[in-house]
Amino acid sequence: MSERTDTRRNVLKAAGAALGAAAVPSVASASSADSEWTAVKSPVGGTLYDVEETSEGAYAVGDAGVVLERTAKGWRKILDGGPTGNGNNLYGADVTDDGERLWFVGSSGAIGEYDVTTGNLVDHSAPMDVTNNFNDVSVTGEAGEANVYVAGDSGKMYYSFENGATQTWDYVTPGSGSAINAVDFYDDREGHIVDGNKSVFYTGDGSTWDKIGLADANVNFYGVDSDGADDVWVSGGGGMVFHWTGSRWVPRDTGDAGLRDIEVEDGVGYAVGGGGAVYDREDEEWKPDATPTGQNLKAVCRESEVEIAVGAGGTILEH
């Protein structure tokens, strides 16, 4: 386990323990008897694309620039319109290592930094005057001192080693120019991305990238969980999951659903995707979980006391 992952998890676990007992949102529809996942009431009907745990609890982002917060009385909308107020969709989010700043990115170059302790929002949109769509973001370091990595739909990785300050951004095109669908870092400047050309790339310095796979995958890649140079999980179309062990890729076929996100720690975790699909990994096997929805799921968060999946139609599942 990386130092960054361990530090952030300890921060969020402590915060989650304080909040968890009170934060019990109302149930919108009961799950089936054999399901551990429950649908909870959502304040929005648009798609939620990502969910993250912070020092103040869980947050989700989605259509029209909405940002939702999980509170003791349920989920509530705290931001509408995104960082610019123009209603740009938000497709990806991440949190600083201390859990205090939530970063999110989306369409038309939207980038926002939200202080979950004060409610202050900083707009970092259109770095280098770029207004392309941004699909995902990963941040490392503490609040105000973060390295910020943004996955571009045009195949570029944008990055700032100075908390997204103006004039500190740069970019690189790791592959063929295909859209970069997901990014995740396990240390300050070490992480992985997946792109629309069925490729996985690794960086050890945050700015230069080397391809590490994936030959003959035959499916699109949607999600990546980077836990170390020799511990990378990729989710994709056709129910496929791939694990990089440092020497080889190990494929697993879970079924037919396209898997949009994956989170694994110490071999245990979840992958979520189309038609309300949730796959649970334990004892080195992926098994389907029953869920109370048929909506497409876009993201899963498992770093808190309560595990959360979000998706189309404002869907929020808790476990």
Protein backbone atom coordinates (compact mmCIF):
# COMPACT_ATOMS: atom_id res chain seq x y z
CA MET A 1 0.00 0.00 0.00
CA SER A 2 1.41 3.42 -0.92
CA GLU A 3 2.10 6.10 1.67
CA ARG A 4 -0.40 8.41 0.00
CA THR A 5 -3.19 5.84 0.01
CA ASP A 6 -2.56 4.86 3.61
CA THR A 7 -2.44 8.49 4.81
CA ARG A 8 -5.63 9.53 3.05
CA ARG A 9 -7.47 6.40 4.14
CA ASN A 10 -6.61 7.06 7.79
CA VAL A 11 -7.86 10.64 7.52
CA LEU A 12 -11.11 9.63 5.86
CA LYS A 13 -11.69 6.65 8.13
CA ALA A 14 -11.44 8.85 11.20
CA ALA A 15 -13.81 11.41 9.69
CA GLY A 16 -16.18 8.68 8.52
CA ALA A 17 -16.37 7.17 11.99
CA ALA A 18 -17.47 10.52 13.40
CA LEU A 19 -20.06 11.10 10.68
CA GLY A 20 -21.20 7.58 9.92
CA ALA A 21 -23.55 7.09 12.85
CA ALA A 22 -25.52 10.23 12.04
CA ALA A 23 -25.42 10.08 8.26
CA VAL A 24 -28.23 7.66 7.48
CA PRO A 25 -30.14 8.99 4.43
CA SER A 26 -33.79 8.10 3.98
CA VAL A 27 -34.58 5.04 1.89
CA ALA A 28 -36.31 5.68 -1.43
CA SER A 29 -36.99 2.04 -2.27
CA ALA A 30 -36.16 -1.08 -0.34
CA SER A 31 -33.71 -3.48 -1.89
CA SER A 32 -34.52 -7.12 -2.44
CA ALA A 33 -34.19 -9.43 0.55
CA ASP A 34 -30.87 -10.88 -0.60
CA SER A 35 -29.31 -7.56 -1.60
CA GLU A 36 -26.88 -5.60 0.55
CA TRP A 37 -27.32 -2.51 -1.64
CA THR A 38 -30.10 -0.02 -0.93
CA ALA A 39 -31.38 2.82 -3.10
CA VAL A 40 -31.56 6.12 -1.22
CA LYS A 41 -33.41 9.30 -2.08
CA SER A 42 -31.61 11.53 -4.55
CA PRO A 43 -32.22 15.29 -4.96
CA VAL A 44 -31.51 15.15 -8.71
CA GLY A 45 -32.71 13.22 -11.75
CA GLY A 46 -29.67 13.70 -13.95
CA THR A 47 -26.72 11.34 -14.22
CA LEU A 48 -24.19 11.27 -11.39
CA TYR A 49 -20.78 10.47 -12.83
CA ASP A 50 -18.49 10.24 -9.81
CA VAL A 51 -18.49 9.93 -6.03
CA GLU A 52 -15.71 10.58 -3.52
CA GLU A 53 -15.18 10.47 0.22
CA THR A 54 -13.80 13.59 1.94
CA SER A 55 -12.99 14.54 5.52
CA GLU A 56 -16.56 15.86 5.78
CA GLY A 57 -18.31 12.86 4.21
CA ALA A 58 -19.24 11.73 0.71
CA TYR A 59 -19.79 13.99 -2.32
CA ALA A 60 -21.11 13.20 -5.81
CA VAL A 61 -20.91 15.19 -9.06
CA GLY A 62 -22.91 15.04 -12.26
CA ASP A 63 -25.11 16.55 -14.95
CA ALA A 64 -25.50 20.33 -15.20
CA GLY A 65 -22.62 20.87 -12.79
CA VAL A 66 -24.37 19.58 -9.68
CA VAL A 67 -22.41 18.68 -6.58
CA LEU A 68 -24.20 16.67 -3.89
CA GLU A 69 -23.24 16.19 -0.25
CA ARG A 70 -24.23 13.28 2.00
CA THR A 71 -25.55 14.64 5.30
CA ALA A 72 -27.27 13.33 8.41
CA LYS A 73 -30.60 14.15 6.75
CA GLY A 74 -29.78 12.62 3.39
CA TRP A 75 -28.17 13.80 0.19
CA ARG A 76 -28.48 17.50 -0.64
CA LYS A 77 -27.42 19.72 -3.51
CA ILE A 78 -24.70 22.20 -2.55
CA LEU A 79 -23.68 23.41 -6.00
CA ASP A 80 -25.62 23.83 -9.22
CA GLY A 81 -23.96 24.93 -12.46
CA GLY A 82 -20.41 23.76 -11.85
CA PRO A 83 -17.38 25.95 -11.10
CA THR A 84 -18.28 28.52 -13.77
CA GLY A 85 -22.03 28.56 -13.18
CA ASN A 86 -22.61 27.65 -16.84
CA GLY A 87 -24.10 24.25 -16.10
CA ASN A 88 -21.27 22.20 -17.58
CA ASN A 89 -21.54 18.49 -16.79
CA LEU A 90 -19.04 17.20 -14.23
CA TYR A 91 -17.56 13.82 -15.21
CA GLY A 92 -14.82 13.17 -12.65
CA ALA A 93 -13.77 14.02 -9.11
CA ASP A 94 -11.00 13.35 -6.60
CA VAL A 95 -9.98 14.53 -3.14
CA THR A 96 -6.70 15.74 -1.64
CA ASP A 97 -4.79 13.44 0.69
CA ASP A 98 -6.08 15.25 3.81
CA GLY A 99 -9.66 15.01 2.53
CA GLU A 100 -10.24 18.78 2.68
CA ARG A 101 -10.49 19.73 -1.00
CA LEU A 102 -12.77 18.14 -3.58
CA TRP A 103 -11.60 18.65 -7.16
CA PHE A 104 -13.94 18.06 -10.10
CA VAL A 105 -13.73 18.37 -13.89
CA GLY A 106 -16.13 18.23 -16.81
CA SER A 107 -17.31 19.59 -20.12
CA SER A 108 -16.05 22.77 -21.79
CA GLY A 109 -12.86 22.83 -19.71
CA ALA A 110 -14.58 22.94 -16.32
CA ILE A 111 -12.26 22.50 -13.31
CA GLY A 112 -13.28 23.32 -9.75
CA GLU A 113 -11.68 23.09 -6.30
CA TYR A 114 -14.20 22.97 -3.44
CA ASP A 115 -13.16 23.37 0.20
CA VAL A 116 -15.42 20.95 2.08
CA THR A 117 -14.52 22.55 5.42
CA THR A 118 -15.49 26.12 4.49
CA GLY A 119 -17.70 25.83 1.39
CA ASN A 120 -15.34 28.00 -0.66
CA LEU A 121 -15.18 27.28 -4.40
CA VAL A 122 -12.23 28.16 -6.66
CA ASP A 123 -12.68 28.09 -10.43
CA HIS A 124 -9.64 26.73 -12.33
CA SER A 125 -11.53 26.22 -15.60
CA ALA A 126 -10.00 26.45 -19.08
CA PRO A 127 -6.31 26.07 -18.18
CA MET A 128 -4.12 27.28 -21.04
CA ASP A 129 -7.43 28.46 -22.59
CA VAL A 130 -8.43 24.83 -23.20
CA THR A 131 -12.19 24.31 -23.33
CA ASN A 132 -12.28 20.67 -24.41
CA ASN A 133 -14.12 18.13 -22.29
CA PHE A 134 -12.28 16.73 -19.28
CA ASN A 135 -13.20 13.16 -18.35
CA ASP A 136 -11.46 12.57 -15.03
CA VAL A 137 -9.11 14.06 -12.44
CA SER A 138 -6.63 12.78 -9.88
CA VAL A 139 -5.01 14.93 -7.19
CA THR A 140 -2.16 14.16 -4.80
CA GLY A 141 -0.84 16.09 -1.83
CA GLU A 142 -2.65 18.21 0.73
CA ALA A 143 -5.12 21.07 0.37
CA GLY A 144 -3.59 24.11 -1.30
CA GLU A 145 -0.46 22.20 -2.31
CA ALA A 146 -1.86 19.57 -4.67
CA ASN A 147 -0.54 18.08 -7.86
CA VAL A 148 -3.49 18.05 -10.25
CA TYR A 149 -3.83 15.64 -13.19
CA VAL A 150 -6.69 16.07 -15.67
CA ALA A 151 -7.66 13.55 -18.37
CA GLY A 152 -8.63 15.22 -21.62
CA ASP A 153 -11.13 13.98 -24.19
CA SER A 154 -8.67 15.08 -26.89
CA GLY A 155 -6.05 12.57 -25.71
CA LYS A 156 -4.00 15.02 -23.65
CA MET A 157 -3.06 14.86 -19.98
CA TYR A 158 -3.06 18.31 -18.36
CA TYR A 159 -1.14 18.75 -15.14
CA SER A 160 -0.13 21.36 -12.57
CA PHE A 161 2.33 20.78 -9.75
CA GLU A 162 1.22 24.02 -8.05
CA ASN A 163 -2.42 23.45 -7.12
CA GLY A 164 -3.78 24.48 -10.49
CA ALA A 165 -2.49 28.06 -10.30
CA THR A 166 -2.65 30.05 -13.53
CA GLN A 167 0.48 29.76 -15.67
CA THR A 168 1.53 26.50 -13.95
CA TRP A 169 -0.29 24.12 -16.31
CA ASP A 170 1.34 21.96 -18.95
CA TYR A 171 0.19 19.03 -21.05
CA VAL A 172 1.41 15.90 -22.81
CA THR A 173 -0.17 13.47 -25.28
CA PRO A 174 0.70 9.99 -23.95
CA GLY A 175 -0.75 7.92 -26.82
CA SER A 176 -2.39 8.23 -30.20
CA GLY A 177 -4.68 11.13 -29.31
CA SER A 178 -7.62 8.95 -28.29
CA ALA A 179 -9.70 10.21 -25.38
CA ILE A 180 -8.24 9.53 -21.96
CA ASN A 181 -11.12 7.98 -20.06
CA ALA A 182 -9.74 7.65 -16.54
CA VAL A 183 -6.74 8.58 -14.39
CA ASP A 184 -5.61 7.51 -10.93
CA PHE A 185 -2.41 8.18 -8.95
CA TYR A 186 -1.10 6.10 -6.06
CA ASP A 187 1.70 8.52 -5.09
CA ASP A 188 2.55 12.17 -5.65
CA ARG A 189 3.72 11.73 -9.24
CA GLU A 190 3.15 8.05 -9.91
CA GLY A 191 -0.02 6.72 -11.49
CA HIS A 192 -1.86 5.26 -14.47
CA ILE A 193 -4.34 6.22 -17.19
CA VAL A 194 -6.49 4.34 -19.71
CA ASP A 195 -7.50 5.70 -23.10
CA GLY A 196 -9.96 5.04 -25.90
CA ASN A 197 -7.36 3.13 -27.91
CA LYS A 198 -7.44 0.21 -25.43
CA SER A 199 -4.14 1.32 -23.90
CA VAL A 200 -2.81 1.66 -20.36
CA PHE A 201 0.00 4.09 -19.52
CA TYR A 202 2.22 4.58 -16.46
CA THR A 203 4.09 7.66 -15.20
CA GLY A 204 6.75 7.90 -12.52
CA ASP A 205 7.20 11.67 -12.70
CA GLY A 206 3.70 13.00 -13.47
CA SER A 207 4.66 14.29 -16.91
CA THR A 208 6.05 11.50 -19.08
CA TRP A 209 4.11 8.33 -19.84
CA ASP A 210 5.02 4.81 -20.96
CA LYS A 211 2.59 2.28 -22.38
CA ILE A 212 2.30 -0.91 -20.30
CA GLY A 213 -0.63 -2.61 -22.10
CA LEU A 214 -2.90 -3.97 -23.10
CA ALA A 215 -2.47 -6.25 -26.11
CA ASP A 216 -5.46 -8.13 -27.54
CA ALA A 217 -7.94 -6.79 -24.99
CA ASN A 218 -10.68 -6.37 -27.63
CA VAL A 219 -12.78 -4.17 -25.33
CA ASN A 220 -12.85 -0.49 -24.43
CA PHE A 221 -11.33 0.63 -21.12
CA TYR A 222 -13.43 2.83 -18.82
CA GLY A 223 -12.00 2.76 -15.30
CA VAL A 224 -8.61 2.45 -13.59
CA ASP A 225 -7.57 1.94 -9.96
CA SER A 226 -3.85 2.56 -9.48
CA ASP A 227 -2.60 1.08 -6.20
CA GLY A 228 1.06 0.65 -7.09
CA ALA A 229 3.48 0.12 -9.97
CA ASP A 230 2.69 -3.59 -9.72
CA ASP A 231 -0.96 -3.36 -8.66
CA VAL A 232 -3.29 -1.82 -11.25
CA TRP A 233 -6.94 -2.66 -11.95
CA VAL A 234 -8.72 -1.77 -15.20
CA SER A 235 -12.44 -2.16 -15.97
CA GLY A 236 -13.90 -2.24 -19.44
CA GLY A 237 -16.54 -3.35 -21.88
CA GLY A 238 -18.04 -6.80 -22.01
CA GLY A 239 -17.72 -7.22 -18.26
CA MET A 240 -13.93 -7.45 -18.44
CA VAL A 241 -11.56 -6.69 -15.56
CA PHE A 242 -7.78 -6.71 -15.92
CA HIS A 243 -5.16 -6.79 -13.14
CA TRP A 244 -1.54 -5.77 -13.71
CA THR A 245 0.76 -7.62 -11.30
CA GLY A 246 3.98 -5.98 -12.43
CA SER A 247 4.87 -8.78 -14.81
CA ARG A 248 1.62 -9.74 -16.54
CA TRP A 249 -2.02 -8.81 -17.09
CA VAL A 250 -4.59 -11.15 -15.56
CA PRO A 251 -8.02 -10.93 -17.26
CA ARG A 252 -11.37 -11.81 -15.71
CA ASP A 253 -14.74 -11.96 -17.45
CA THR A 254 -17.59 -11.02 -15.09
CA GLY A 255 -20.41 -11.06 -17.64
CA ASP A 256 -21.90 -8.77 -20.27
CA ALA A 257 -22.22 -5.41 -18.52
CA GLY A 258 -19.75 -2.68 -19.44
CA LEU A 259 -17.90 -1.82 -16.21
CA ARG A 260 -17.43 1.92 -15.83
CA ASP A 261 -15.51 2.07 -12.55
CA ILE A 262 -13.43 -0.16 -10.31
CA GLU A 263 -12.08 0.15 -6.77
CA VAL A 264 -9.92 -2.59 -5.24
CA GLU A 265 -7.79 -2.62 -2.11
CA ASP A 266 -5.71 -5.59 -0.98
CA GLY A 267 -7.58 -7.77 -3.47
CA VAL A 268 -11.05 -6.80 -2.21
CA GLY A 269 -13.33 -4.37 -4.00
CA TYR A 270 -16.09 -3.53 -6.46
CA ALA A 271 -16.69 -2.91 -10.15
CA VAL A 272 -19.89 -1.20 -11.33
CA GLY A 273 -21.53 -0.65 -14.69
CA GLY A 274 -24.46 -1.06 -17.05
CA GLY A 275 -27.93 -2.09 -15.95
CA GLY A 276 -27.24 -1.58 -12.25
CA ALA A 277 -24.44 -4.14 -12.27
CA VAL A 278 -22.24 -4.41 -9.18
CA TYR A 279 -19.53 -7.05 -8.93
CA ASP A 280 -17.94 -7.80 -5.58
CA ARG A 281 -14.42 -9.23 -5.37
CA GLU A 282 -13.55 -11.49 -2.44
CA ASP A 283 -11.43 -14.63 -2.19
CA GLU A 284 -9.93 -13.81 -5.60
CA GLU A 285 -13.30 -14.14 -7.34
CA TRP A 286 -15.71 -11.60 -8.84
CA LYS A 287 -19.35 -12.28 -7.91
CA PRO A 288 -22.49 -10.30 -8.83
CA ASP A 289 -24.35 -8.41 -6.10
CA ALA A 290 -28.12 -7.95 -6.28
CA THR A 291 -29.08 -4.28 -6.61
CA PRO A 292 -32.45 -2.49 -6.55
CA THR A 293 -31.90 -0.61 -9.84
CA GLY A 294 -31.55 -1.17 -13.55
CA GLN A 295 -29.93 2.21 -14.10
CA ASN A 296 -26.40 2.36 -15.50
CA LEU A 297 -23.89 2.88 -12.70
CA LYS A 298 -20.94 5.21 -13.32
CA ALA A 299 -18.80 5.18 -10.17
CA VAL A 300 -18.21 3.49 -6.84
CA CYS A 301 -16.52 4.68 -3.64
CA ARG A 302 -15.35 2.26 -0.97
CA GLU A 303 -13.02 4.27 1.23
CA SER A 304 -15.64 5.20 3.84
CA GLU A 305 -17.72 3.43 6.43
CA VAL A 306 -20.55 3.42 3.86
CA GLU A 307 -19.86 2.17 0.33
CA ILE A 308 -21.63 4.16 -2.39
CA ALA A 309 -22.39 3.71 -6.09
CA VAL A 310 -23.93 6.40 -8.32
CA GLY A 311 -25.24 6.56 -11.86
CA ALA A 312 -27.95 7.50 -14.34
CA GLY A 313 -31.24 9.01 -13.26
CA GLY A 314 -29.65 10.43 -10.11
CA THR A 315 -29.22 6.90 -8.76
CA ILE A 316 -27.48 6.55 -5.40
CA LEU A 317 -26.93 3.11 -3.88
CA GLU A 318 -25.49 2.54 -0.43
CA HIS A 319 -24.13 -0.58 1.21
